[in-house]
Amino acid sequence: MSTARLFRVILPVRDIARAAAFWSGVLETPGIRVSPGRHYFACGGTLLACYDPVADGDELGDGWHHHPSQYLYFAVDDLERVAERLAAAGAREQTPIATMPWGERMLYALDPFDTPISFVDAATLFTGTAPGGPG
């Protein structure tokens, strides 16, 4: 049996047009609208799927709720440039770039819908093994 591969992550949003504009600016790609309430962005083999259930004609139910530490993490080659794009796109509570105890250089922010997001320097990704261990 082959290893499972994560191919799509649903990101709940309250305004699909605003979400598409924000993520287009941050990711420097227009993405593609696949339905009235879904806008997809290719992210290195995984799709970021912005989803506005009301715009798609779905029931909102109890709504979407994120835990404050439930981040979406993106690996990027130019962390400083992404920090600039986040600020230009209107990210909130953006932290300065810092190096974590496990060695990753990263920053945190909130998107326009209070979704916790993080961007990590791809050269410093921690992938589950100790430094110097098998990778």
N, C-alpha and C. Protein backbone atom coordinates (compact mmCIF):
# COMPACT_ATOMS: atom_id res chain seq x y z
N MET A 1 0.85 -1.19 0.00
CA MET A 1 0.00 0.00 0.00
C MET A 1 0.88 1.24 0.00
N SER A 2 0.52 2.23 -0.81
CA SER A 2 1.32 3.45 -0.88
C SER A 2 1.03 4.35 0.32
N THR A 3 1.94 5.27 0.57
CA THR A 3 1.78 6.21 1.66
C THR A 3 0.72 7.25 1.28
N ALA A 4 -0.12 7.59 2.22
CA ALA A 4 -1.12 8.62 1.98
C ALA A 4 -0.43 9.96 1.75
N ARG A 5 -1.04 10.79 0.93
CA ARG A 5 -0.49 12.10 0.60
C ARG A 5 -1.57 13.14 0.83
N LEU A 6 -1.24 14.17 1.60
CA LEU A 6 -2.16 15.26 1.83
C LEU A 6 -2.29 16.06 0.55
N PHE A 7 -3.50 16.20 0.01
CA PHE A 7 -3.65 16.89 -1.26
C PHE A 7 -4.50 18.16 -1.19
N ARG A 8 -5.32 18.32 -0.15
CA ARG A 8 -6.14 19.53 -0.04
C ARG A 8 -6.43 19.83 1.42
N VAL A 9 -6.40 21.12 1.74
CA VAL A 9 -6.76 21.61 3.06
C VAL A 9 -7.86 22.65 2.88
N ILE A 10 -8.96 22.48 3.59
CA ILE A 10 -10.06 23.43 3.53
C ILE A 10 -9.82 24.54 4.55
N LEU A 11 -9.86 25.78 4.06
CA LEU A 11 -9.72 26.94 4.92
C LEU A 11 -11.05 27.68 4.95
N PRO A 12 -11.75 27.67 6.07
CA PRO A 12 -13.05 28.34 6.14
C PRO A 12 -12.89 29.86 6.08
N VAL A 13 -13.72 30.51 5.28
CA VAL A 13 -13.70 31.97 5.16
C VAL A 13 -15.13 32.49 5.15
N ARG A 14 -15.28 33.76 5.49
CA ARG A 14 -16.61 34.37 5.52
C ARG A 14 -16.88 35.23 4.29
N ASP A 15 -15.87 35.43 3.45
CA ASP A 15 -16.03 36.28 2.25
C ASP A 15 -15.05 35.75 1.21
N ILE A 16 -15.55 35.00 0.25
CA ILE A 16 -14.68 34.32 -0.72
C ILE A 16 -13.88 35.31 -1.57
N ALA A 17 -14.47 36.43 -1.93
CA ALA A 17 -13.74 37.41 -2.74
C ALA A 17 -12.58 38.02 -1.94
N ARG A 18 -12.84 38.34 -0.69
CA ARG A 18 -11.78 38.90 0.16
C ARG A 18 -10.68 37.87 0.40
N ALA A 19 -11.06 36.62 0.62
CA ALA A 19 -10.08 35.56 0.83
C ALA A 19 -9.23 35.36 -0.43
N ALA A 20 -9.88 35.34 -1.59
CA ALA A 20 -9.15 35.16 -2.85
C ALA A 20 -8.15 36.30 -3.05
N ALA A 21 -8.55 37.52 -2.75
CA ALA A 21 -7.66 38.67 -2.91
C ALA A 21 -6.47 38.57 -1.95
N PHE A 22 -6.73 38.22 -0.68
CA PHE A 22 -5.66 38.10 0.31
C PHE A 22 -4.65 37.04 -0.10
N TRP A 23 -5.13 35.82 -0.36
CA TRP A 23 -4.23 34.72 -0.66
C TRP A 23 -3.55 34.90 -2.02
N SER A 24 -4.20 35.53 -2.99
CA SER A 24 -3.55 35.83 -4.26
C SER A 24 -2.35 36.73 -4.04
N GLY A 25 -2.51 37.74 -3.18
CA GLY A 25 -1.41 38.65 -2.88
C GLY A 25 -0.28 37.99 -2.13
N VAL A 26 -0.61 37.17 -1.15
CA VAL A 26 0.42 36.51 -0.34
C VAL A 26 1.15 35.44 -1.13
N LEU A 27 0.41 34.62 -1.88
CA LEU A 27 1.01 33.50 -2.61
C LEU A 27 1.49 33.87 -4.01
N GLU A 28 1.21 35.08 -4.45
CA GLU A 28 1.58 35.56 -5.79
C GLU A 28 1.09 34.65 -6.90
N THR A 29 -0.16 34.24 -6.78
CA THR A 29 -0.82 33.44 -7.82
C THR A 29 -2.31 33.74 -7.74
N PRO A 30 -3.00 33.81 -8.88
CA PRO A 30 -4.43 34.12 -8.81
C PRO A 30 -5.29 32.97 -8.29
N GLY A 31 -4.76 31.75 -8.29
CA GLY A 31 -5.60 30.62 -7.92
C GLY A 31 -6.72 30.46 -8.93
N ILE A 32 -7.72 29.66 -8.57
CA ILE A 32 -8.84 29.43 -9.49
C ILE A 32 -10.13 29.27 -8.70
N ARG A 33 -11.17 29.98 -9.14
CA ARG A 33 -12.49 29.84 -8.53
C ARG A 33 -13.11 28.58 -9.10
N VAL A 34 -13.46 27.63 -8.24
CA VAL A 34 -14.01 26.36 -8.72
C VAL A 34 -15.51 26.24 -8.47
N SER A 35 -16.05 27.15 -7.66
CA SER A 35 -17.49 27.23 -7.41
C SER A 35 -17.75 28.60 -6.80
N PRO A 36 -19.00 28.99 -6.61
CA PRO A 36 -19.25 30.31 -6.04
C PRO A 36 -18.61 30.54 -4.67
N GLY A 37 -18.39 29.48 -3.91
CA GLY A 37 -17.83 29.62 -2.57
C GLY A 37 -16.50 28.92 -2.36
N ARG A 38 -15.83 28.53 -3.44
CA ARG A 38 -14.53 27.85 -3.30
C ARG A 38 -13.52 28.45 -4.26
N HIS A 39 -12.34 28.76 -3.71
CA HIS A 39 -11.24 29.28 -4.51
C HIS A 39 -10.00 28.49 -4.11
N TYR A 40 -9.38 27.84 -5.09
CA TYR A 40 -8.26 26.94 -4.82
C TYR A 40 -6.93 27.56 -5.23
N PHE A 41 -5.90 27.29 -4.42
CA PHE A 41 -4.53 27.72 -4.68
C PHE A 41 -3.62 26.50 -4.60
N ALA A 42 -2.80 26.29 -5.65
CA ALA A 42 -1.83 25.21 -5.65
C ALA A 42 -0.65 25.61 -4.76
N CYS A 43 -0.32 24.75 -3.82
CA CYS A 43 0.78 25.00 -2.88
C CYS A 43 1.69 23.78 -2.83
N GLY A 44 2.50 23.59 -3.85
CA GLY A 44 3.50 22.53 -3.84
C GLY A 44 2.91 21.14 -3.71
N GLY A 45 1.87 20.83 -4.43
CA GLY A 45 1.28 19.50 -4.39
C GLY A 45 0.08 19.38 -3.47
N THR A 46 -0.19 20.41 -2.69
CA THR A 46 -1.37 20.44 -1.83
C THR A 46 -2.19 21.67 -2.21
N LEU A 47 -3.49 21.51 -2.28
CA LEU A 47 -4.36 22.64 -2.59
C LEU A 47 -4.82 23.32 -1.30
N LEU A 48 -4.71 24.63 -1.26
CA LEU A 48 -5.34 25.43 -0.23
C LEU A 48 -6.71 25.80 -0.79
N ALA A 49 -7.76 25.30 -0.16
CA ALA A 49 -9.12 25.50 -0.66
C ALA A 49 -9.86 26.46 0.26
N CYS A 50 -9.94 27.72 -0.13
CA CYS A 50 -10.73 28.69 0.61
C CYS A 50 -12.20 28.33 0.37
N TYR A 51 -12.97 28.24 1.44
CA TYR A 51 -14.35 27.76 1.34
C TYR A 51 -15.28 28.65 2.14
N ASP A 52 -16.22 29.28 1.43
CA ASP A 52 -17.26 30.09 2.03
C ASP A 52 -18.57 29.31 1.87
N PRO A 53 -19.02 28.60 2.91
CA PRO A 53 -20.20 27.75 2.75
C PRO A 53 -21.45 28.51 2.34
N VAL A 54 -21.64 29.71 2.82
CA VAL A 54 -22.83 30.48 2.48
C VAL A 54 -22.83 30.81 0.99
N ALA A 55 -21.67 31.24 0.45
CA ALA A 55 -21.58 31.56 -0.98
C ALA A 55 -21.80 30.32 -1.84
N ASP A 56 -21.48 29.15 -1.29
CA ASP A 56 -21.68 27.90 -2.03
C ASP A 56 -23.09 27.34 -1.86
N GLY A 57 -23.93 28.03 -1.05
CA GLY A 57 -25.29 27.56 -0.84
C GLY A 57 -25.41 26.47 0.21
N ASP A 58 -24.36 26.28 1.00
CA ASP A 58 -24.37 25.27 2.06
C ASP A 58 -24.82 25.89 3.38
N GLU A 59 -25.28 25.07 4.27
CA GLU A 59 -25.66 25.53 5.61
C GLU A 59 -24.40 25.89 6.39
N LEU A 60 -24.47 26.96 7.14
CA LEU A 60 -23.35 27.38 7.97
C LEU A 60 -23.25 26.54 9.24
N GLY A 61 -24.37 26.01 9.70
CA GLY A 61 -24.34 25.22 10.94
C GLY A 61 -23.86 26.09 12.09
N ASP A 62 -22.98 25.54 12.91
CA ASP A 62 -22.42 26.28 14.04
C ASP A 62 -21.30 27.21 13.61
N GLY A 63 -20.98 27.23 12.33
CA GLY A 63 -19.90 28.08 11.84
C GLY A 63 -18.55 27.40 11.99
N TRP A 64 -17.54 28.12 11.61
CA TRP A 64 -16.16 27.60 11.66
C TRP A 64 -15.47 28.16 12.88
N HIS A 65 -14.75 27.33 13.57
CA HIS A 65 -14.04 27.77 14.77
C HIS A 65 -12.62 27.22 14.74
N HIS A 66 -11.66 28.11 14.84
CA HIS A 66 -10.26 27.69 14.91
C HIS A 66 -9.77 27.83 16.34
N HIS A 67 -8.96 26.91 16.77
CA HIS A 67 -8.25 27.05 18.03
C HIS A 67 -7.14 28.06 17.79
N PRO A 68 -6.78 28.89 18.76
CA PRO A 68 -5.73 29.90 18.55
C PRO A 68 -4.38 29.31 18.12
N SER A 69 -4.14 28.04 18.39
CA SER A 69 -2.87 27.42 17.98
C SER A 69 -3.03 26.48 16.79
N GLN A 70 -4.13 26.58 16.09
CA GLN A 70 -4.40 25.71 14.93
C GLN A 70 -3.91 26.41 13.66
N TYR A 71 -2.60 26.44 13.48
CA TYR A 71 -1.98 27.16 12.36
C TYR A 71 -1.96 26.34 11.08
N LEU A 72 -2.01 27.06 9.95
CA LEU A 72 -1.67 26.49 8.65
C LEU A 72 -0.22 26.91 8.42
N TYR A 73 0.65 25.95 8.17
CA TYR A 73 2.07 26.24 7.97
C TYR A 73 2.42 26.11 6.50
N PHE A 74 3.15 27.10 5.97
CA PHE A 74 3.62 27.11 4.60
C PHE A 74 5.14 27.18 4.60
N ALA A 75 5.78 26.34 3.80
CA ALA A 75 7.23 26.41 3.61
C ALA A 75 7.49 27.33 2.42
N VAL A 76 8.41 28.27 2.58
CA VAL A 76 8.71 29.24 1.52
C VAL A 76 10.22 29.41 1.38
N ASP A 77 10.65 29.79 0.17
CA ASP A 77 12.07 29.98 -0.09
C ASP A 77 12.58 31.35 0.32
N ASP A 78 11.71 32.36 0.36
CA ASP A 78 12.13 33.73 0.68
C ASP A 78 11.21 34.28 1.76
N LEU A 79 11.55 34.00 3.00
CA LEU A 79 10.70 34.36 4.14
C LEU A 79 10.56 35.88 4.27
N GLU A 80 11.62 36.61 4.01
CA GLU A 80 11.55 38.06 4.13
C GLU A 80 10.57 38.64 3.11
N ARG A 81 10.58 38.12 1.90
CA ARG A 81 9.65 38.61 0.88
C ARG A 81 8.20 38.28 1.26
N VAL A 82 7.98 37.09 1.78
CA VAL A 82 6.63 36.72 2.21
C VAL A 82 6.17 37.63 3.35
N ALA A 83 7.06 37.98 4.25
CA ALA A 83 6.70 38.90 5.33
C ALA A 83 6.21 40.23 4.76
N GLU A 84 6.87 40.72 3.72
CA GLU A 84 6.43 41.96 3.07
C GLU A 84 5.07 41.79 2.41
N ARG A 85 4.87 40.66 1.73
CA ARG A 85 3.59 40.41 1.05
C ARG A 85 2.45 40.28 2.05
N LEU A 86 2.71 39.64 3.18
CA LEU A 86 1.68 39.52 4.21
C LEU A 86 1.24 40.90 4.69
N ALA A 87 2.21 41.75 4.98
CA ALA A 87 1.88 43.09 5.45
C ALA A 87 1.09 43.85 4.39
N ALA A 88 1.50 43.74 3.13
CA ALA A 88 0.81 44.44 2.04
C ALA A 88 -0.61 43.92 1.83
N ALA A 89 -0.81 42.63 2.08
CA ALA A 89 -2.13 42.02 1.87
C ALA A 89 -3.07 42.25 3.04
N GLY A 90 -2.55 42.79 4.15
CA GLY A 90 -3.41 43.09 5.28
C GLY A 90 -3.43 42.05 6.38
N ALA A 91 -2.39 41.22 6.46
CA ALA A 91 -2.31 40.27 7.58
C ALA A 91 -2.26 41.04 8.90
N ARG A 92 -2.79 40.44 9.92
CA ARG A 92 -2.81 41.08 11.24
C ARG A 92 -1.95 40.30 12.22
N GLU A 93 -1.53 40.98 13.27
CA GLU A 93 -0.74 40.38 14.35
C GLU A 93 0.46 39.62 13.82
N GLN A 94 1.08 40.15 12.79
CA GLN A 94 2.25 39.50 12.19
C GLN A 94 3.44 39.65 13.13
N THR A 95 4.10 38.53 13.42
CA THR A 95 5.27 38.55 14.29
C THR A 95 6.53 38.80 13.46
N PRO A 96 7.58 39.25 14.11
CA PRO A 96 8.86 39.32 13.40
C PRO A 96 9.35 37.90 13.10
N ILE A 97 10.21 37.78 12.13
CA ILE A 97 10.84 36.48 11.83
C ILE A 97 11.71 36.11 13.02
N ALA A 98 11.59 34.86 13.46
CA ALA A 98 12.37 34.38 14.60
C ALA A 98 12.79 32.94 14.35
N THR A 99 13.84 32.53 15.04
CA THR A 99 14.29 31.14 14.97
C THR A 99 13.78 30.40 16.20
N MET A 100 13.07 29.31 15.97
CA MET A 100 12.49 28.52 17.04
C MET A 100 13.54 27.58 17.65
N PRO A 101 13.27 27.06 18.85
CA PRO A 101 14.23 26.14 19.49
C PRO A 101 14.52 24.90 18.65
N TRP A 102 13.61 24.48 17.78
CA TRP A 102 13.82 23.30 16.95
C TRP A 102 14.52 23.66 15.64
N GLY A 103 14.90 24.95 15.47
CA GLY A 103 15.73 25.36 14.36
C GLY A 103 15.03 26.03 13.19
N GLU A 104 13.71 26.06 13.18
CA GLU A 104 13.00 26.69 12.06
C GLU A 104 13.00 28.21 12.19
N ARG A 105 13.24 28.89 11.06
CA ARG A 105 13.04 30.35 10.96
C ARG A 105 11.63 30.55 10.46
N MET A 106 10.85 31.35 11.18
CA MET A 106 9.44 31.46 10.83
C MET A 106 8.82 32.74 11.36
N LEU A 107 7.59 32.96 10.91
CA LEU A 107 6.77 34.05 11.45
C LEU A 107 5.33 33.55 11.54
N TYR A 108 4.56 34.24 12.36
CA TYR A 108 3.15 33.94 12.54
C TYR A 108 2.33 35.18 12.19
N ALA A 109 1.07 34.96 11.81
CA ALA A 109 0.16 36.07 11.51
C ALA A 109 -1.28 35.54 11.55
N LEU A 110 -2.22 36.46 11.39
CA LEU A 110 -3.63 36.11 11.23
C LEU A 110 -4.07 36.61 9.86
N ASP A 111 -4.86 35.80 9.16
CA ASP A 111 -5.43 36.25 7.90
C ASP A 111 -6.65 37.13 8.22
N PRO A 112 -7.34 37.67 7.21
CA PRO A 112 -8.48 38.56 7.49
C PRO A 112 -9.63 37.91 8.25
N PHE A 113 -9.63 36.59 8.36
CA PHE A 113 -10.72 35.88 9.04
C PHE A 113 -10.28 35.29 10.38
N ASP A 114 -9.14 35.79 10.89
CA ASP A 114 -8.56 35.34 12.17
C ASP A 114 -8.00 33.93 12.12
N THR A 115 -7.71 33.41 10.95
CA THR A 115 -7.09 32.10 10.83
C THR A 115 -5.61 32.24 11.17
N PRO A 116 -5.11 31.47 12.13
CA PRO A 116 -3.68 31.50 12.44
C PRO A 116 -2.88 30.88 11.29
N ILE A 117 -1.93 31.64 10.75
CA ILE A 117 -1.08 31.15 9.67
C ILE A 117 0.38 31.35 10.03
N SER A 118 1.24 30.52 9.43
CA SER A 118 2.67 30.61 9.68
C SER A 118 3.42 30.32 8.39
N PHE A 119 4.53 31.00 8.22
CA PHE A 119 5.41 30.78 7.08
C PHE A 119 6.78 30.45 7.61
N VAL A 120 7.38 29.37 7.05
CA VAL A 120 8.65 28.84 7.54
C VAL A 120 9.67 28.85 6.40
N ASP A 121 10.87 29.27 6.70
CA ASP A 121 11.96 29.23 5.74
C ASP A 121 12.21 27.77 5.36
N ALA A 122 12.04 27.45 4.08
CA ALA A 122 12.14 26.06 3.61
C ALA A 122 13.50 25.44 3.92
N ALA A 123 14.53 26.25 4.00
CA ALA A 123 15.87 25.72 4.29
C ALA A 123 16.00 25.26 5.74
N THR A 124 15.03 25.61 6.58
CA THR A 124 15.13 25.27 8.01
C THR A 124 14.02 24.34 8.49
N LEU A 125 13.25 23.74 7.57
CA LEU A 125 12.10 22.92 7.97
C LEU A 125 12.49 21.78 8.88
N PHE A 126 11.72 21.61 9.93
CA PHE A 126 11.84 20.42 10.79
C PHE A 126 10.83 19.41 10.26
N THR A 127 11.31 18.24 9.86
CA THR A 127 10.42 17.25 9.24
C THR A 127 10.24 16.01 10.09
N GLY A 128 10.52 16.08 11.36
CA GLY A 128 10.23 14.97 12.25
C GLY A 128 11.41 14.15 12.69
N THR A 129 12.60 14.51 12.27
CA THR A 129 13.79 13.79 12.73
C THR A 129 14.71 14.77 13.44
N ALA A 130 15.53 14.25 14.31
CA ALA A 130 16.49 15.09 15.02
C ALA A 130 17.53 15.60 14.03
N PRO A 131 18.05 16.81 14.27
CA PRO A 131 19.10 17.31 13.37
C PRO A 131 20.24 16.29 13.25
N GLY A 132 20.62 16.05 12.02
CA GLY A 132 21.69 15.08 11.77
C GLY A 132 21.21 13.66 11.68
N GLY A 133 19.91 13.41 12.00
CA GLY A 133 19.36 12.07 11.96
C GLY A 133 18.88 11.71 10.57
N PRO A 134 18.36 10.49 10.38
CA PRO A 134 17.86 10.11 9.06
C PRO A 134 16.66 10.98 8.68
N GLY A 135 16.55 11.37 7.42
CA GLY A 135 15.52 12.31 7.06
C GLY A 135 14.52 11.78 6.15
